[in-house]
Amino acid sequence: MAKETHTLHLFGIKACDTMKKARTWLDEKSVNYDFHDYKTQGIDRDHLTRWCNEHGWQTVLNRAGTTFRKLDEAQKADLDQEKAIELMLAQPSMIKRPVLDLGDKTLIGFKPELYAAAIA
């Protein structure tokens, strides 16, 4: 008998390959979740602050992505959590994805073994 849990929330961007892998994995395991596309629905400071407090802004900000790499050097200089949050609010595609909100914690990025351990 599956334990009663709240609905999980998956944050990300619909077109992203990693997002597709995460969604396929969740669907194949019949895990219920709400999908929040922050490219179309946006994201608020509260979520970003909580994720940064839990994981560190260095994990939440996707510095490997095209959007971040296109910034000018002044925008990339002297980054701290506040500046990183401002960048991610302005351009949500800079948020590492997916973010899976389990209620008591979040997982950032998609690793099947971490999802399996968290959802088991």
PDB file of N, CA and C in Angstrom:
ATOM      1  N   MET A   1       0.853  -1.181   0.000  1.00  0.00           N
ATOM      2  CA  MET A   1       0.000   0.000   0.000  1.00  0.00           C
ATOM      3  C   MET A   1       0.890   1.232   0.000  1.00  0.00           C
ATOM      4  N   ALA A   2       0.728   2.072  -0.984  1.00  0.00           N
ATOM      5  CA  ALA A   2       1.542   3.292  -1.087  1.00  0.00           C
ATOM      6  C   ALA A   2       1.171   4.257   0.021  1.00  0.00           C
ATOM      7  N   LYS A   3       2.188   4.897   0.587  1.00  0.00           N
ATOM      8  CA  LYS A   3       1.903   5.864   1.640  1.00  0.00           C
ATOM      9  C   LYS A   3       1.273   7.107   1.029  1.00  0.00           C
ATOM     10  N   GLU A   4       0.388   7.731   1.774  1.00  0.00           N
ATOM     11  CA  GLU A   4      -0.301   8.940   1.302  1.00  0.00           C
ATOM     12  C   GLU A   4       0.678  10.105   1.357  1.00  0.00           C
ATOM     13  N   THR A   5       0.886  10.755   0.227  1.00  0.00           N
ATOM     14  CA  THR A   5       1.795  11.890   0.195  1.00  0.00           C
ATOM     15  C   THR A   5       1.125  13.042  -0.528  1.00  0.00           C
ATOM     16  N   HIS A   6       1.681  14.218  -0.353  1.00  0.00           N
ATOM     17  CA  HIS A   6       1.173  15.357  -1.114  1.00  0.00           C
ATOM     18  C   HIS A   6       1.675  15.247  -2.552  1.00  0.00           C
ATOM     19  N   THR A   7       1.071  15.991  -3.426  1.00  0.00           N
ATOM     20  CA  THR A   7       1.487  15.998  -4.823  1.00  0.00           C
ATOM     21  C   THR A   7       2.856  16.657  -4.944  1.00  0.00           C
ATOM     22  N   LEU A   8       3.731  16.027  -5.694  1.00  0.00           N
ATOM     23  CA  LEU A   8       5.049  16.593  -5.945  1.00  0.00           C
ATOM     24  C   LEU A   8       4.920  17.706  -6.981  1.00  0.00           C
ATOM     25  N   HIS A   9       5.862  18.635  -6.949  1.00  0.00           N
ATOM     26  CA  HIS A   9       5.881  19.729  -7.911  1.00  0.00           C
ATOM     27  C   HIS A   9       7.192  19.671  -8.671  1.00  0.00           C
ATOM     28  N   LEU A  10       7.097  19.629  -9.985  1.00  0.00           N
ATOM     29  CA  LEU A  10       8.269  19.597 -10.841  1.00  0.00           C
ATOM     30  C   LEU A  10       8.359  20.939 -11.551  1.00  0.00           C
ATOM     31  N   PHE A  11       9.474  21.624 -11.333  1.00  0.00           N
ATOM     32  CA  PHE A  11       9.697  22.947 -11.924  1.00  0.00           C
ATOM     33  C   PHE A  11      10.718  22.817 -13.034  1.00  0.00           C
ATOM     34  N   GLY A  12      10.473  23.501 -14.144  1.00  0.00           N
ATOM     35  CA  GLY A  12      11.433  23.476 -15.230  1.00  0.00           C
ATOM     36  C   GLY A  12      10.881  24.111 -16.485  1.00  0.00           C
ATOM     37  N   ILE A  13      11.400  23.677 -17.612  1.00  0.00           N
ATOM     38  CA  ILE A  13      11.031  24.196 -18.919  1.00  0.00           C
ATOM     39  C   ILE A  13      10.631  23.009 -19.783  1.00  0.00           C
ATOM     40  N   LYS A  14       9.499  23.136 -20.442  1.00  0.00           N
ATOM     41  CA  LYS A  14       8.930  22.017 -21.195  1.00  0.00           C
ATOM     42  C   LYS A  14       9.895  21.435 -22.231  1.00  0.00           C
ATOM     43  N   ALA A  15      10.594  22.278 -22.976  1.00  0.00           N
ATOM     44  CA  ALA A  15      11.393  21.813 -24.114  1.00  0.00           C
ATOM     45  C   ALA A  15      12.747  21.205 -23.734  1.00  0.00           C
ATOM     46  N   CYS A  16      13.133  21.296 -22.481  1.00  0.00           N
ATOM     47  CA  CYS A  16      14.461  20.845 -22.047  1.00  0.00           C
ATOM     48  C   CYS A  16      14.582  19.314 -22.064  1.00  0.00           C
ATOM     49  N   ASP A  17      15.683  18.784 -22.613  1.00  0.00           N
ATOM     50  CA  ASP A  17      15.891  17.329 -22.675  1.00  0.00           C
ATOM     51  C   ASP A  17      15.934  16.686 -21.303  1.00  0.00           C
ATOM     52  N   THR A  18      16.612  17.322 -20.359  1.00  0.00           N
ATOM     53  CA  THR A  18      16.697  16.760 -19.009  1.00  0.00           C
ATOM     54  C   THR A  18      15.309  16.726 -18.369  1.00  0.00           C
ATOM     55  N   MET A  19      14.519  17.747 -18.633  1.00  0.00           N
ATOM     56  CA  MET A  19      13.144  17.774 -18.136  1.00  0.00           C
ATOM     57  C   MET A  19      12.359  16.594 -18.695  1.00  0.00           C
ATOM     58  N   LYS A  20      12.539  16.335 -19.990  1.00  0.00           N
ATOM     59  CA  LYS A  20      11.809  15.222 -20.625  1.00  0.00           C
ATOM     60  C   LYS A  20      12.185  13.899 -19.956  1.00  0.00           C
ATOM     61  N   LYS A  21      13.471  13.723 -19.644  1.00  0.00           N
ATOM     62  CA  LYS A  21      13.914  12.490 -18.974  1.00  0.00           C
ATOM     63  C   LYS A  21      13.259  12.362 -17.609  1.00  0.00           C
ATOM     64  N   ALA A  22      13.240  13.471 -16.857  1.00  0.00           N
ATOM     65  CA  ALA A  22      12.641  13.443 -15.515  1.00  0.00           C
ATOM     66  C   ALA A  22      11.145  13.149 -15.593  1.00  0.00           C
ATOM     67  N   ARG A  23      10.453  13.802 -16.526  1.00  0.00           N
ATOM     68  CA  ARG A  23       9.008  13.593 -16.654  1.00  0.00           C
ATOM     69  C   ARG A  23       8.693  12.167 -17.101  1.00  0.00           C
ATOM     70  N   THR A  24       9.497  11.641 -18.033  1.00  0.00           N
ATOM     71  CA  THR A  24       9.301  10.258 -18.481  1.00  0.00           C
ATOM     72  C   THR A  24       9.505   9.298 -17.312  1.00  0.00           C
ATOM     73  N   TRP A  25      10.552   9.524 -16.522  1.00  0.00           N
ATOM     74  CA  TRP A  25      10.837   8.669 -15.365  1.00  0.00           C
ATOM     75  C   TRP A  25       9.660   8.691 -14.389  1.00  0.00           C
ATOM     76  N   LEU A  26       9.171   9.886 -14.058  1.00  0.00           N
ATOM     77  CA  LEU A  26       8.042  10.010 -13.126  1.00  0.00           C
ATOM     78  C   LEU A  26       6.790   9.341 -13.694  1.00  0.00           C
ATOM     79  N   ASP A  27       6.543   9.556 -14.980  1.00  0.00           N
ATOM     80  CA  ASP A  27       5.361   8.955 -15.617  1.00  0.00           C
ATOM     81  C   ASP A  27       5.448   7.427 -15.616  1.00  0.00           C
ATOM     82  N   GLU A  28       6.635   6.899 -15.925  1.00  0.00           N
ATOM     83  CA  GLU A  28       6.809   5.437 -15.958  1.00  0.00           C
ATOM     84  C   GLU A  28       6.621   4.814 -14.581  1.00  0.00           C
ATOM     85  N   LYS A  29       6.919   5.578 -13.529  1.00  0.00           N
ATOM     86  CA  LYS A  29       6.760   5.085 -12.150  1.00  0.00           C
ATOM     87  C   LYS A  29       5.371   5.424 -11.592  1.00  0.00           C
ATOM     88  N   SER A  30       4.514   6.009 -12.443  1.00  0.00           N
ATOM     89  CA  SER A  30       3.160   6.425 -12.040  1.00  0.00           C
ATOM     90  C   SER A  30       3.171   7.360 -10.838  1.00  0.00           C
ATOM     91  N   VAL A  31       4.140   8.267 -10.818  1.00  0.00           N
ATOM     92  CA  VAL A  31       4.233   9.255  -9.746  1.00  0.00           C
ATOM     93  C   VAL A  31       3.410  10.480 -10.150  1.00  0.00           C
ATOM     94  N   ASN A  32       2.495  10.890  -9.282  1.00  0.00           N
ATOM     95  CA  ASN A  32       1.700  12.091  -9.556  1.00  0.00           C
ATOM     96  C   ASN A  32       2.525  13.332  -9.255  1.00  0.00           C
ATOM     97  N   TYR A  33       2.454  14.287 -10.145  1.00  0.00           N
ATOM     98  CA  TYR A  33       3.169  15.552  -9.920  1.00  0.00           C
ATOM     99  C   TYR A  33       2.489  16.653 -10.714  1.00  0.00           C
ATOM    100  N   ASP A  34       2.656  17.874 -10.229  1.00  0.00           N
ATOM    101  CA  ASP A  34       2.234  19.056 -10.974  1.00  0.00           C
ATOM    102  C   ASP A  34       3.469  19.596 -11.675  1.00  0.00           C
ATOM    103  N   PHE A  35       3.303  20.018 -12.921  1.00  0.00           N
ATOM    104  CA  PHE A  35       4.427  20.592 -13.652  1.00  0.00           C
ATOM    105  C   PHE A  35       4.274  22.105 -13.720  1.00  0.00           C
ATOM    106  N   HIS A  36       5.313  22.798 -13.314  1.00  0.00           N
ATOM    107  CA  HIS A  36       5.341  24.265 -13.349  1.00  0.00           C
ATOM    108  C   HIS A  36       6.419  24.683 -14.344  1.00  0.00           C
ATOM    109  N   ASP A  37       6.000  25.224 -15.468  1.00  0.00           N
ATOM    110  CA  ASP A  37       6.943  25.682 -16.486  1.00  0.00           C
ATOM    111  C   ASP A  37       7.301  27.134 -16.171  1.00  0.00           C
ATOM    112  N   TYR A  38       8.483  27.347 -15.627  1.00  0.00           N
ATOM    113  CA  TYR A  38       8.811  28.716 -15.205  1.00  0.00           C
ATOM    114  C   TYR A  38       9.201  29.608 -16.378  1.00  0.00           C
ATOM    115  N   LYS A  39       9.281  29.059 -17.566  1.00  0.00           N
ATOM    116  CA  LYS A  39       9.491  29.914 -18.731  1.00  0.00           C
ATOM    117  C   LYS A  39       8.170  30.618 -19.088  1.00  0.00           C
ATOM    118  N   THR A  40       7.035  29.924 -18.931  1.00  0.00           N
ATOM    119  CA  THR A  40       5.742  30.521 -19.246  1.00  0.00           C
ATOM    120  C   THR A  40       5.034  31.048 -17.996  1.00  0.00           C
ATOM    121  N   GLN A  41       5.206  30.365 -16.851  1.00  0.00           N
ATOM    122  CA  GLN A  41       4.492  30.753 -15.634  1.00  0.00           C
ATOM    123  C   GLN A  41       5.321  31.641 -14.710  1.00  0.00           C
ATOM    124  N   GLY A  42       6.611  31.772 -15.018  1.00  0.00           N
ATOM    125  CA  GLY A  42       7.481  32.566 -14.158  1.00  0.00           C
ATOM    126  C   GLY A  42       7.841  31.832 -12.880  1.00  0.00           C
ATOM    127  N   ILE A  43       8.628  32.486 -12.064  1.00  0.00           N
ATOM    128  CA  ILE A  43       9.050  31.937 -10.770  1.00  0.00           C
ATOM    129  C   ILE A  43       9.161  33.118  -9.823  1.00  0.00           C
ATOM    130  N   ASP A  44       8.933  32.879  -8.539  1.00  0.00           N
ATOM    131  CA  ASP A  44       8.989  33.991  -7.589  1.00  0.00           C
ATOM    132  C   ASP A  44      10.250  33.928  -6.730  1.00  0.00           C
ATOM    133  N   ARG A  45      10.549  35.057  -6.141  1.00  0.00           N
ATOM    134  CA  ARG A  45      11.743  35.190  -5.301  1.00  0.00           C
ATOM    135  C   ARG A  45      11.734  34.186  -4.148  1.00  0.00           C
ATOM    136  N   ASP A  46      10.550  33.918  -3.596  1.00  0.00           N
ATOM    137  CA  ASP A  46      10.430  33.007  -2.462  1.00  0.00           C
ATOM    138  C   ASP A  46      10.949  31.607  -2.805  1.00  0.00           C
ATOM    139  N   HIS A  47      10.520  31.062  -3.945  1.00  0.00           N
ATOM    140  CA  HIS A  47      11.005  29.744  -4.358  1.00  0.00           C
ATOM    141  C   HIS A  47      12.523  29.768  -4.558  1.00  0.00           C
ATOM    142  N   LEU A  48      13.009  30.762  -5.284  1.00  0.00           N
ATOM    143  CA  LEU A  48      14.449  30.829  -5.562  1.00  0.00           C
ATOM    144  C   LEU A  48      15.255  30.960  -4.275  1.00  0.00           C
ATOM    145  N   THR A  49      14.764  31.767  -3.346  1.00  0.00           N
ATOM    146  CA  THR A  49      15.472  31.946  -2.070  1.00  0.00           C
ATOM    147  C   THR A  49      15.521  30.626  -1.294  1.00  0.00           C
ATOM    148  N   ARG A  50      14.385  29.918  -1.258  1.00  0.00           N
ATOM    149  CA  ARG A  50      14.361  28.636  -0.542  1.00  0.00           C
ATOM    150  C   ARG A  50      15.319  27.636  -1.180  1.00  0.00           C
ATOM    151  N   TRP A  51      15.312  27.561  -2.517  1.00  0.00           N
ATOM    152  CA  TRP A  51      16.206  26.617  -3.197  1.00  0.00           C
ATOM    153  C   TRP A  51      17.661  26.975  -2.965  1.00  0.00           C
ATOM    154  N   CYS A  52      17.983  28.266  -3.017  1.00  0.00           N
ATOM    155  CA  CYS A  52      19.364  28.701  -2.787  1.00  0.00           C
ATOM    156  C   CYS A  52      19.778  28.444  -1.339  1.00  0.00           C
ATOM    157  N   ASN A  53      18.870  28.663  -0.404  1.00  0.00           N
ATOM    158  CA  ASN A  53      19.194  28.402   1.002  1.00  0.00           C
ATOM    159  C   ASN A  53      19.434  26.915   1.240  1.00  0.00           C
ATOM    160  N   GLU A  54      18.706  26.078   0.524  1.00  0.00           N
ATOM    161  CA  GLU A  54      18.852  24.626   0.702  1.00  0.00           C
ATOM    162  C   GLU A  54      20.086  24.081  -0.011  1.00  0.00           C
ATOM    163  N   HIS A  55      20.352  24.541  -1.227  1.00  0.00           N
ATOM    164  CA  HIS A  55      21.403  23.939  -2.059  1.00  0.00           C
ATOM    165  C   HIS A  55      22.602  24.838  -2.323  1.00  0.00           C
ATOM    166  N   GLY A  56      22.463  26.142  -2.051  1.00  0.00           N
ATOM    167  CA  GLY A  56      23.502  27.096  -2.437  1.00  0.00           C
ATOM    168  C   GLY A  56      23.189  27.627  -3.829  1.00  0.00           C
ATOM    169  N   TRP A  57      23.361  28.930  -4.013  1.00  0.00           N
ATOM    170  CA  TRP A  57      23.032  29.528  -5.319  1.00  0.00           C
ATOM    171  C   TRP A  57      23.890  28.957  -6.444  1.00  0.00           C
ATOM    172  N   GLN A  58      25.095  28.483  -6.101  1.00  0.00           N
ATOM    173  CA  GLN A  58      25.998  27.938  -7.126  1.00  0.00           C
ATOM    174  C   GLN A  58      25.397  26.699  -7.777  1.00  0.00           C
ATOM    175  N   THR A  59      24.552  25.964  -7.017  1.00  0.00           N
ATOM    176  CA  THR A  59      23.883  24.779  -7.558  1.00  0.00           C
ATOM    177  C   THR A  59      22.646  25.164  -8.356  1.00  0.00           C
ATOM    178  N   VAL A  60      21.924  26.175  -7.889  1.00  0.00           N
ATOM    179  CA  VAL A  60      20.646  26.554  -8.505  1.00  0.00           C
ATOM    180  C   VAL A  60      20.858  27.312  -9.817  1.00  0.00           C
ATOM    181  N   LEU A  61      21.875  28.158  -9.860  1.00  0.00           N
ATOM    182  CA  LEU A  61      22.158  28.946 -11.063  1.00  0.00           C
ATOM    183  C   LEU A  61      22.899  28.070 -12.075  1.00  0.00           C
ATOM    184  N   ASN A  62      22.315  27.918 -13.256  1.00  0.00           N
ATOM    185  CA  ASN A  62      22.936  27.100 -14.300  1.00  0.00           C
ATOM    186  C   ASN A  62      23.948  27.931 -15.084  1.00  0.00           C
ATOM    187  N   ARG A  63      25.193  27.881 -14.621  1.00  0.00           N
ATOM    188  CA  ARG A  63      26.238  28.676 -15.272  1.00  0.00           C
ATOM    189  C   ARG A  63      26.766  28.022 -16.541  1.00  0.00           C
ATOM    190  N   ALA A  64      26.387  26.765 -16.802  1.00  0.00           N
ATOM    191  CA  ALA A  64      26.840  26.081 -18.011  1.00  0.00           C
ATOM    192  C   ALA A  64      25.939  26.371 -19.203  1.00  0.00           C
ATOM    193  N   GLY A  65      24.754  26.926 -18.945  1.00  0.00           N
ATOM    194  CA  GLY A  65      23.783  27.141 -20.019  1.00  0.00           C
ATOM    195  C   GLY A  65      24.112  28.344 -20.886  1.00  0.00           C
ATOM    196  N   THR A  66      23.524  28.338 -22.073  1.00  0.00           N
ATOM    197  CA  THR A  66      23.736  29.406 -23.045  1.00  0.00           C
ATOM    198  C   THR A  66      23.327  30.772 -22.500  1.00  0.00           C
ATOM    199  N   THR A  67      22.187  30.815 -21.819  1.00  0.00           N
ATOM    200  CA  THR A  67      21.671  32.099 -21.332  1.00  0.00           C
ATOM    201  C   THR A  67      22.686  32.778 -20.422  1.00  0.00           C
ATOM    202  N   PHE A  68      23.284  32.016 -19.503  1.00  0.00           N
ATOM    203  CA  PHE A  68      24.281  32.591 -18.593  1.00  0.00           C
ATOM    204  C   PHE A  68      25.545  32.973 -19.359  1.00  0.00           C
ATOM    205  N   ARG A  69      25.981  32.107 -20.254  1.00  0.00           N
ATOM    206  CA  ARG A  69      27.229  32.368 -20.986  1.00  0.00           C
ATOM    207  C   ARG A  69      27.137  33.609 -21.858  1.00  0.00           C
ATOM    208  N   LYS A  70      25.922  33.980 -22.297  1.00  0.00           N
ATOM    209  CA  LYS A  70      25.729  35.165 -23.137  1.00  0.00           C
ATOM    210  C   LYS A  70      25.750  36.474 -22.344  1.00  0.00           C
ATOM    211  N   LEU A  71      25.679  36.386 -21.015  1.00  0.00           N
ATOM    212  CA  LEU A  71      25.710  37.615 -20.203  1.00  0.00           C
ATOM    213  C   LEU A  71      27.039  38.326 -20.392  1.00  0.00           C
ATOM    214  N   ASP A  72      27.037  39.640 -20.201  1.00  0.00           N
ATOM    215  CA  ASP A  72      28.326  40.319 -20.275  1.00  0.00           C
ATOM    216  C   ASP A  72      29.096  40.086 -18.977  1.00  0.00           C
ATOM    217  N   GLU A  73      30.394  40.311 -19.052  1.00  0.00           N
ATOM    218  CA  GLU A  73      31.274  39.993 -17.919  1.00  0.00           C
ATOM    219  C   GLU A  73      30.866  40.720 -16.643  1.00  0.00           C
ATOM    220  N   ALA A  74      30.369  41.943 -16.774  1.00  0.00           N
ATOM    221  CA  ALA A  74      29.958  42.710 -15.591  1.00  0.00           C
ATOM    222  C   ALA A  74      28.829  41.999 -14.843  1.00  0.00           C
ATOM    223  N   GLN A  75      27.911  41.379 -15.586  1.00  0.00           N
ATOM    224  CA  GLN A  75      26.803  40.669 -14.950  1.00  0.00           C
ATOM    225  C   GLN A  75      27.267  39.377 -14.276  1.00  0.00           C
ATOM    226  N   LYS A  76      28.347  38.794 -14.789  1.00  0.00           N
ATOM    227  CA  LYS A  76      28.859  37.543 -14.225  1.00  0.00           C
ATOM    228  C   LYS A  76      29.814  37.795 -13.059  1.00  0.00           C
ATOM    229  N   ALA A  77      30.283  39.031 -12.915  1.00  0.00           N
ATOM    230  CA  ALA A  77      31.299  39.341 -11.901  1.00  0.00           C
ATOM    231  C   ALA A  77      30.675  39.446 -10.514  1.00  0.00           C
ATOM    232  N   ASP A  78      31.453  39.104  -9.497  1.00  0.00           N
ATOM    233  CA  ASP A  78      31.074  39.285  -8.091  1.00  0.00           C
ATOM    234  C   ASP A  78      29.695  38.720  -7.776  1.00  0.00           C
ATOM    235  N   LEU A  79      29.410  37.542  -8.299  1.00  0.00           N
ATOM    236  CA  LEU A  79      28.106  36.950  -8.023  1.00  0.00           C
ATOM    237  C   LEU A  79      27.990  36.540  -6.558  1.00  0.00           C
ATOM    238  N   ASP A  80      26.821  36.776  -6.006  1.00  0.00           N
ATOM    239  CA  ASP A  80      26.469  36.256  -4.692  1.00  0.00           C
ATOM    240  C   ASP A  80      25.024  35.787  -4.797  1.00  0.00           C
ATOM    241  N   GLN A  81      24.446  35.328  -3.702  1.00  0.00           N
ATOM    242  CA  GLN A  81      23.092  34.779  -3.786  1.00  0.00           C
ATOM    243  C   GLN A  81      22.083  35.820  -4.271  1.00  0.00           C
ATOM    244  N   GLU A  82      22.173  37.030  -3.770  1.00  0.00           N
ATOM    245  CA  GLU A  82      21.214  38.068  -4.154  1.00  0.00           C
ATOM    246  C   GLU A  82      21.294  38.362  -5.660  1.00  0.00           C
ATOM    247  N   LYS A  83      22.523  38.503  -6.185  1.00  0.00           N
ATOM    248  CA  LYS A  83      22.694  38.780  -7.620  1.00  0.00           C
ATOM    249  C   LYS A  83      22.237  37.589  -8.455  1.00  0.00           C
ATOM    250  N   ALA A  84      22.545  36.377  -7.986  1.00  0.00           N
ATOM    251  CA  ALA A  84      22.137  35.166  -8.714  1.00  0.00           C
ATOM    252  C   ALA A  84      20.612  35.088  -8.784  1.00  0.00           C
ATOM    253  N   ILE A  85      19.934  35.396  -7.684  1.00  0.00           N
ATOM    254  CA  ILE A  85      18.467  35.368  -7.669  1.00  0.00           C
ATOM    255  C   ILE A  85      17.904  36.411  -8.634  1.00  0.00           C
ATOM    256  N   GLU A  86      18.496  37.600  -8.665  1.00  0.00           N
ATOM    257  CA  GLU A  86      18.032  38.636  -9.605  1.00  0.00           C
ATOM    258  C   GLU A  86      18.175  38.151 -11.053  1.00  0.00           C
ATOM    259  N   LEU A  87      19.307  37.517 -11.376  1.00  0.00           N
ATOM    260  CA  LEU A  87      19.507  36.987 -12.728  1.00  0.00           C
ATOM    261  C   LEU A  87      18.455  35.939 -13.067  1.00  0.00           C
ATOM    262  N   MET A  88      18.175  35.031 -12.106  1.00  0.00           N
ATOM    263  CA  MET A  88      17.219  33.947 -12.356  1.00  0.00           C
ATOM    264  C   MET A  88      15.785  34.474 -12.434  1.00  0.00           C
ATOM    265  N   LEU A  89      15.470  35.513 -11.658  1.00  0.00           N
ATOM    266  CA  LEU A  89      14.140  36.130 -11.764  1.00  0.00           C
ATOM    267  C   LEU A  89      13.955  36.755 -13.143  1.00  0.00           C
ATOM    268  N   ALA A  90      15.000  37.414 -13.628  1.00  0.00           N
ATOM    269  CA  ALA A  90      14.940  38.091 -14.923  1.00  0.00           C
ATOM    270  C   ALA A  90      14.897  37.076 -16.071  1.00  0.00           C
ATOM    271  N   GLN A  91      15.638  35.993 -15.932  1.00  0.00           N
ATOM    272  CA  GLN A  91      15.718  34.989 -17.006  1.00  0.00           C
ATOM    273  C   GLN A  91      15.656  33.590 -16.396  1.00  0.00           C
ATOM    274  N   PRO A  92      14.437  33.076 -16.179  1.00  0.00           N
ATOM    275  CA  PRO A  92      14.272  31.778 -15.511  1.00  0.00           C
ATOM    276  C   PRO A  92      14.992  30.619 -16.198  1.00  0.00           C
ATOM    277  N   SER A  93      15.351  30.777 -17.472  1.00  0.00           N
ATOM    278  CA  SER A  93      16.071  29.671 -18.116  1.00  0.00           C
ATOM    279  C   SER A  93      17.464  29.477 -17.522  1.00  0.00           C
ATOM    280  N   MET A  94      17.901  30.406 -16.659  1.00  0.00           N
ATOM    281  CA  MET A  94      19.193  30.238 -15.964  1.00  0.00           C
ATOM    282  C   MET A  94      19.073  29.363 -14.718  1.00  0.00           C
ATOM    283  N   ILE A  95      17.860  28.934 -14.388  1.00  0.00           N
ATOM    284  CA  ILE A  95      17.689  28.060 -13.221  1.00  0.00           C
ATOM    285  C   ILE A  95      18.008  26.632 -13.657  1.00  0.00           C
ATOM    286  N   LYS A  96      18.879  25.973 -12.897  1.00  0.00           N
ATOM    287  CA  LYS A  96      19.196  24.580 -13.203  1.00  0.00           C
ATOM    288  C   LYS A  96      17.902  23.779 -13.122  1.00  0.00           C
ATOM    289  N   ARG A  97      17.751  22.814 -14.004  1.00  0.00           N
ATOM    290  CA  ARG A  97      16.515  22.070 -14.004  1.00  0.00           C
ATOM    291  C   ARG A  97      16.768  20.578 -14.192  1.00  0.00           C
ATOM    292  N   PRO A  98      15.759  19.809 -13.831  1.00  0.00           N
ATOM    293  CA  PRO A  98      14.536  20.199 -13.143  1.00  0.00           C
ATOM    294  C   PRO A  98      14.761  20.448 -11.664  1.00  0.00           C
ATOM    295  N   VAL A  99      13.771  21.070 -11.050  1.00  0.00           N
ATOM    296  CA  VAL A  99      13.711  21.157  -9.593  1.00  0.00           C
ATOM    297  C   VAL A  99      12.480  20.357  -9.189  1.00  0.00           C
ATOM    298  N   LEU A 100      12.679  19.320  -8.391  1.00  0.00           N
ATOM    299  CA  LEU A 100      11.576  18.498  -7.913  1.00  0.00           C
ATOM    300  C   LEU A 100      11.343  18.833  -6.447  1.00  0.00           C
ATOM    301  N   ASP A 101      10.173  19.384  -6.164  1.00  0.00           N
ATOM    302  CA  ASP A 101       9.820  19.764  -4.799  1.00  0.00           C
ATOM    303  C   ASP A 101       9.079  18.608  -4.154  1.00  0.00           C
ATOM    304  N   LEU A 102       9.720  18.016  -3.139  1.00  0.00           N
ATOM    305  CA  LEU A 102       9.159  16.864  -2.441  1.00  0.00           C
ATOM    306  C   LEU A 102       8.370  17.280  -1.201  1.00  0.00           C
ATOM    307  N   GLY A 103       8.261  18.574  -0.974  1.00  0.00           N
ATOM    308  CA  GLY A 103       7.553  19.056   0.210  1.00  0.00           C
ATOM    309  C   GLY A 103       8.512  19.445   1.310  1.00  0.00           C
ATOM    310  N   ASP A 104       9.282  18.470   1.814  1.00  0.00           N
ATOM    311  CA  ASP A 104      10.237  18.748   2.893  1.00  0.00           C
ATOM    312  C   ASP A 104      11.633  19.058   2.365  1.00  0.00           C
ATOM    313  N   LYS A 105      11.859  18.779   1.076  1.00  0.00           N
ATOM    314  CA  LYS A 105      13.158  19.075   0.462  1.00  0.00           C
ATOM    315  C   LYS A 105      12.981  19.120  -1.050  1.00  0.00           C
ATOM    316  N   THR A 106      14.020  19.557  -1.743  1.00  0.00           N
ATOM    317  CA  THR A 106      13.988  19.581  -3.197  1.00  0.00           C
ATOM    318  C   THR A 106      15.200  18.842  -3.763  1.00  0.00           C
ATOM    319  N   LEU A 107      15.036  18.348  -4.976  1.00  0.00           N
ATOM    320  CA  LEU A 107      16.141  17.767  -5.731  1.00  0.00           C
ATOM    321  C   LEU A 107      16.360  18.659  -6.944  1.00  0.00           C
ATOM    322  N   ILE A 108      17.613  18.970  -7.228  1.00  0.00           N
ATOM    323  CA  ILE A 108      17.931  19.822  -8.375  1.00  0.00           C
ATOM    324  C   ILE A 108      18.731  19.002  -9.371  1.00  0.00           C
ATOM    325  N   GLY A 109      18.299  19.040 -10.631  1.00  0.00           N
ATOM    326  CA  GLY A 109      18.902  18.197 -11.655  1.00  0.00           C
ATOM    327  C   GLY A 109      18.188  16.853 -11.655  1.00  0.00           C
ATOM    328  N   PHE A 110      18.484  16.017 -12.618  1.00  0.00           N
ATOM    329  CA  PHE A 110      17.834  14.709 -12.686  1.00  0.00           C
ATOM    330  C   PHE A 110      18.863  13.599 -12.665  1.00  0.00           C
ATOM    331  N   LYS A 111      18.799  12.783 -11.600  1.00  0.00           N
ATOM    332  CA  LYS A 111      19.575  11.556 -11.500  1.00  0.00           C
ATOM    333  C   LYS A 111      18.578  10.477 -11.077  1.00  0.00           C
ATOM    334  N   PRO A 112      18.351   9.497 -11.928  1.00  0.00           N
ATOM    335  CA  PRO A 112      17.325   8.490 -11.630  1.00  0.00           C
ATOM    336  C   PRO A 112      17.481   7.862 -10.239  1.00  0.00           C
ATOM    337  N   GLU A 113      18.736   7.603  -9.827  1.00  0.00           N
ATOM    338  CA  GLU A 113      18.938   6.949  -8.534  1.00  0.00           C
ATOM    339  C   GLU A 113      18.519   7.851  -7.368  1.00  0.00           C
ATOM    340  N   LEU A 114      18.722   9.174  -7.506  1.00  0.00           N
ATOM    341  CA  LEU A 114      18.294  10.100  -6.460  1.00  0.00           C
ATOM    342  C   LEU A 114      16.773  10.210  -6.417  1.00  0.00           C
ATOM    343  N   TYR A 115      16.150  10.245  -7.579  1.00  0.00           N
ATOM    344  CA  TYR A 115      14.683  10.268  -7.634  1.00  0.00           C
ATOM    345  C   TYR A 115      14.129   9.006  -6.992  1.00  0.00           C
ATOM    346  N   ALA A 116      14.709   7.839  -7.351  1.00  0.00           N
ATOM    347  CA  ALA A 116      14.232   6.577  -6.808  1.00  0.00           C
ATOM    348  C   ALA A 116      14.341   6.545  -5.289  1.00  0.00           C
ATOM    349  N   ALA A 117      15.468   7.008  -4.764  1.00  0.00           N
ATOM    350  CA  ALA A 117      15.678   7.002  -3.309  1.00  0.00           C
ATOM    351  C   ALA A 117      14.701   7.949  -2.614  1.00  0.00           C
ATOM    352  N   ALA A 118      14.441   9.097  -3.215  1.00  0.00           N
ATOM    353  CA  ALA A 118      13.600  10.121  -2.588  1.00  0.00           C
ATOM    354  C   ALA A 118      12.121   9.746  -2.628  1.00  0.00           C
ATOM    355  N   ILE A 119      11.714   9.046  -3.669  1.00  0.00           N
ATOM    356  CA  ILE A 119      10.295   8.792  -3.884  1.00  0.00           C
ATOM    357  C   ILE A 119       9.887   7.416  -3.364  1.00  0.00           C
ATOM    358  N   ALA A 120      10.858   6.540  -3.123  1.00  0.00           N
ATOM    359  CA  ALA A 120      10.548   5.172  -2.658  1.00  0.00           C
ATOM    360  C   ALA A 120       9.735   5.184  -1.381  1.00  0.00           C
TER     361      ALA A 120
END
